[in-house]
Amino acid sequence: MSTPKDGTVLNGFFWLQGQSWLITDLNEPLEQHLAKSLITQRQYIARLTKRADDLEKWLETEKQNNEFKSKSRAGD
């Protein structure tokens, strides 16, 4: 099945750049709906980025703790 053309509305979805966007409120202007969707996507990406940063910091801390434990054992 080929992707619908940009601007096509099909079964409650709006197609743009090969992606479908769910139209939750057909009374809402399309530009406003897409802007909200983009903001939501950016917030989600920001949360994932923060989570990745947090995990990276945790991993670095774990590595340092393991190195410290190894040195402590070697000194015994």
N, C-alpha and C. Protein backbone atom coordinates (compact mmCIF):
# COMPACT_ATOMS: atom_id res chain seq x y z
N MET A 1 0.84 -1.17 0.00
CA MET A 1 0.00 0.00 0.00
C MET A 1 0.89 1.24 0.00
N SER A 2 0.60 2.16 -0.86
CA SER A 2 1.41 3.38 -0.92
C SER A 2 0.93 4.38 0.13
N THR A 3 1.83 5.27 0.49
CA THR A 3 1.50 6.31 1.47
C THR A 3 0.62 7.36 0.80
N PRO A 4 -0.45 7.78 1.49
CA PRO A 4 -1.30 8.83 0.91
C PRO A 4 -0.52 10.12 0.69
N LYS A 5 -1.01 10.94 -0.22
CA LYS A 5 -0.36 12.22 -0.50
C LYS A 5 -0.46 13.14 0.70
N ASP A 6 0.49 14.09 0.80
CA ASP A 6 0.45 15.09 1.87
C ASP A 6 -0.89 15.81 1.84
N GLY A 7 -1.44 16.04 3.03
CA GLY A 7 -2.69 16.77 3.15
C GLY A 7 -3.92 15.89 3.10
N THR A 8 -3.74 14.59 2.86
CA THR A 8 -4.88 13.67 2.80
C THR A 8 -5.38 13.38 4.21
N VAL A 9 -6.70 13.41 4.37
CA VAL A 9 -7.31 12.99 5.63
C VAL A 9 -7.99 11.67 5.36
N LEU A 10 -7.60 10.64 6.11
CA LEU A 10 -8.10 9.29 5.88
C LEU A 10 -8.36 8.61 7.22
N ASN A 11 -9.60 8.24 7.47
CA ASN A 11 -9.99 7.55 8.71
C ASN A 11 -9.53 8.30 9.97
N GLY A 12 -9.68 9.61 9.98
CA GLY A 12 -9.32 10.39 11.16
C GLY A 12 -7.84 10.69 11.30
N PHE A 13 -7.06 10.35 10.28
CA PHE A 13 -5.63 10.65 10.29
C PHE A 13 -5.30 11.65 9.19
N PHE A 14 -4.41 12.56 9.48
CA PHE A 14 -3.92 13.53 8.51
C PHE A 14 -2.52 13.09 8.11
N TRP A 15 -2.25 13.05 6.83
CA TRP A 15 -0.94 12.59 6.34
C TRP A 15 -0.07 13.78 5.96
N LEU A 16 1.18 13.77 6.44
CA LEU A 16 2.13 14.84 6.14
C LEU A 16 3.53 14.23 6.15
N GLN A 17 4.26 14.44 5.08
CA GLN A 17 5.63 13.96 4.93
C GLN A 17 5.75 12.46 5.23
N GLY A 18 4.80 11.71 4.72
CA GLY A 18 4.85 10.26 4.85
C GLY A 18 4.46 9.72 6.21
N GLN A 19 4.04 10.60 7.12
CA GLN A 19 3.62 10.16 8.45
C GLN A 19 2.16 10.49 8.66
N SER A 20 1.48 9.68 9.46
CA SER A 20 0.09 9.96 9.78
C SER A 20 0.01 10.64 11.14
N TRP A 21 -0.90 11.57 11.24
CA TRP A 21 -1.12 12.31 12.47
C TRP A 21 -2.59 12.14 12.85
N LEU A 22 -2.84 11.62 14.05
CA LEU A 22 -4.21 11.42 14.49
C LEU A 22 -4.86 12.77 14.75
N ILE A 23 -6.02 12.96 14.17
CA ILE A 23 -6.78 14.18 14.40
C ILE A 23 -7.78 13.87 15.50
N THR A 24 -7.51 14.39 16.70
CA THR A 24 -8.35 14.06 17.85
C THR A 24 -9.56 14.97 17.94
N ASP A 25 -9.46 16.16 17.44
CA ASP A 25 -10.57 17.11 17.50
C ASP A 25 -10.72 17.74 16.13
N LEU A 26 -11.71 17.29 15.38
CA LEU A 26 -11.87 17.79 14.02
C LEU A 26 -12.28 19.25 13.98
N ASN A 27 -12.73 19.81 15.11
CA ASN A 27 -13.08 21.23 15.16
C ASN A 27 -11.86 22.11 15.37
N GLU A 28 -10.78 21.51 15.84
CA GLU A 28 -9.55 22.26 16.09
C GLU A 28 -8.87 22.55 14.76
N PRO A 29 -8.38 23.78 14.56
CA PRO A 29 -7.65 24.06 13.31
C PRO A 29 -6.46 23.11 13.17
N LEU A 30 -6.25 22.63 11.96
CA LEU A 30 -5.20 21.64 11.71
C LEU A 30 -3.82 22.14 12.13
N GLU A 31 -3.52 23.40 11.84
CA GLU A 31 -2.21 23.95 12.20
C GLU A 31 -2.00 23.89 13.72
N GLN A 32 -3.06 24.19 14.46
CA GLN A 32 -2.97 24.16 15.92
C GLN A 32 -2.75 22.73 16.41
N HIS A 33 -3.45 21.79 15.81
CA HIS A 33 -3.30 20.39 16.20
C HIS A 33 -1.87 19.91 15.93
N LEU A 34 -1.33 20.25 14.75
CA LEU A 34 0.03 19.82 14.41
C LEU A 34 1.05 20.48 15.32
N ALA A 35 0.82 21.75 15.67
CA ALA A 35 1.74 22.45 16.57
C ALA A 35 1.76 21.77 17.94
N LYS A 36 0.59 21.40 18.45
CA LYS A 36 0.52 20.70 19.74
C LYS A 36 1.24 19.36 19.65
N SER A 37 1.04 18.66 18.55
CA SER A 37 1.68 17.37 18.37
C SER A 37 3.20 17.51 18.34
N LEU A 38 3.69 18.54 17.66
CA LEU A 38 5.13 18.78 17.58
C LEU A 38 5.70 19.11 18.95
N ILE A 39 4.98 19.93 19.72
CA ILE A 39 5.43 20.27 21.07
C ILE A 39 5.50 19.01 21.92
N THR A 40 4.48 18.17 21.81
CA THR A 40 4.45 16.92 22.56
C THR A 40 5.64 16.04 22.19
N GLN A 41 5.94 15.95 20.89
CA GLN A 41 7.08 15.15 20.46
C GLN A 41 8.38 15.71 21.01
N ARG A 42 8.52 17.02 20.99
CA ARG A 42 9.75 17.64 21.51
C ARG A 42 9.89 17.40 23.01
N GLN A 43 8.77 17.47 23.75
CA GLN A 43 8.82 17.20 25.18
C GLN A 43 9.22 15.75 25.43
N TYR A 44 8.70 14.84 24.65
CA TYR A 44 9.03 13.43 24.79
C TYR A 44 10.51 13.19 24.52
N ILE A 45 11.03 13.82 23.46
CA ILE A 45 12.45 13.69 23.14
C ILE A 45 13.30 14.27 24.27
N ALA A 46 12.87 15.40 24.83
CA ALA A 46 13.61 16.00 25.95
C ALA A 46 13.63 15.06 27.15
N ARG A 47 12.50 14.42 27.44
CA ARG A 47 12.45 13.46 28.56
C ARG A 47 13.38 12.28 28.30
N LEU A 48 13.38 11.77 27.07
CA LEU A 48 14.26 10.65 26.75
C LEU A 48 15.72 11.05 26.87
N THR A 49 16.04 12.27 26.42
CA THR A 49 17.41 12.76 26.49
C THR A 49 17.84 12.89 27.95
N LYS A 50 16.96 13.44 28.80
CA LYS A 50 17.28 13.57 30.22
C LYS A 50 17.47 12.19 30.83
N ARG A 51 16.61 11.25 30.47
CA ARG A 51 16.73 9.88 31.00
C ARG A 51 18.07 9.27 30.60
N ALA A 52 18.46 9.49 29.34
CA ALA A 52 19.74 8.96 28.86
C ALA A 52 20.90 9.60 29.63
N ASP A 53 20.81 10.91 29.86
CA ASP A 53 21.85 11.60 30.63
C ASP A 53 21.93 11.06 32.06
N ASP A 54 20.75 10.86 32.67
CA ASP A 54 20.71 10.32 34.03
C ASP A 54 21.33 8.92 34.08
N LEU A 55 21.01 8.09 33.10
CA LEU A 55 21.57 6.74 33.06
C LEU A 55 23.08 6.77 32.84
N GLU A 56 23.53 7.71 32.02
CA GLU A 56 24.97 7.84 31.78
C GLU A 56 25.70 8.23 33.07
N LYS A 57 25.12 9.17 33.83
CA LYS A 57 25.72 9.58 35.10
C LYS A 57 25.73 8.42 36.09
N TRP A 58 24.62 7.67 36.14
CA TRP A 58 24.54 6.52 37.04
C TRP A 58 25.61 5.49 36.68
N LEU A 59 25.76 5.22 35.39
CA LEU A 59 26.76 4.25 34.94
C LEU A 59 28.16 4.70 35.31
N GLU A 60 28.45 5.97 35.14
CA GLU A 60 29.77 6.49 35.50
C GLU A 60 30.01 6.33 37.00
N THR A 61 29.00 6.61 37.80
CA THR A 61 29.11 6.44 39.26
C THR A 61 29.36 4.98 39.62
N GLU A 62 28.64 4.08 38.98
CA GLU A 62 28.82 2.65 39.23
C GLU A 62 30.24 2.20 38.86
N LYS A 63 30.75 2.70 37.74
CA LYS A 63 32.11 2.35 37.32
C LYS A 63 33.12 2.84 38.36
N GLN A 64 32.94 4.07 38.84
CA GLN A 64 33.85 4.61 39.85
C GLN A 64 33.77 3.81 41.14
N ASN A 65 32.55 3.44 41.54
CA ASN A 65 32.39 2.63 42.76
C ASN A 65 33.08 1.28 42.61
N ASN A 66 32.93 0.66 41.46
CA ASN A 66 33.57 -0.64 41.23
C ASN A 66 35.08 -0.52 41.22
N GLU A 67 35.61 0.55 40.63
CA GLU A 67 37.06 0.77 40.62
C GLU A 67 37.57 0.96 42.05
N PHE A 68 36.82 1.74 42.84
CA PHE A 68 37.20 1.97 44.24
C PHE A 68 37.20 0.66 45.02
N LYS A 69 36.16 -0.15 44.83
CA LYS A 69 36.08 -1.45 45.52
C LYS A 69 37.24 -2.35 45.11
N SER A 70 37.57 -2.35 43.82
CA SER A 70 38.68 -3.18 43.34
C SER A 70 40.00 -2.74 43.95
N LYS A 71 40.23 -1.43 44.03
CA LYS A 71 41.46 -0.91 44.62
C LYS A 71 41.51 -1.22 46.11
N SER A 72 40.35 -1.12 46.77
CA SER A 72 40.29 -1.42 48.21
C SER A 72 40.64 -2.87 48.47
N ARG A 73 40.11 -3.76 47.65
CA ARG A 73 40.39 -5.19 47.81
C ARG A 73 41.86 -5.48 47.54
N ALA A 74 42.43 -4.80 46.54
CA ALA A 74 43.83 -5.03 46.19
C ALA A 74 44.75 -4.56 47.32
N GLY A 75 44.32 -3.55 48.06
CA GLY A 75 45.12 -3.01 49.15
C GLY A 75 45.04 -3.83 50.42
N ASP A 76 44.07 -4.74 50.52
CA ASP A 76 43.92 -5.57 51.74
C ASP A 76 45.03 -6.56 51.91
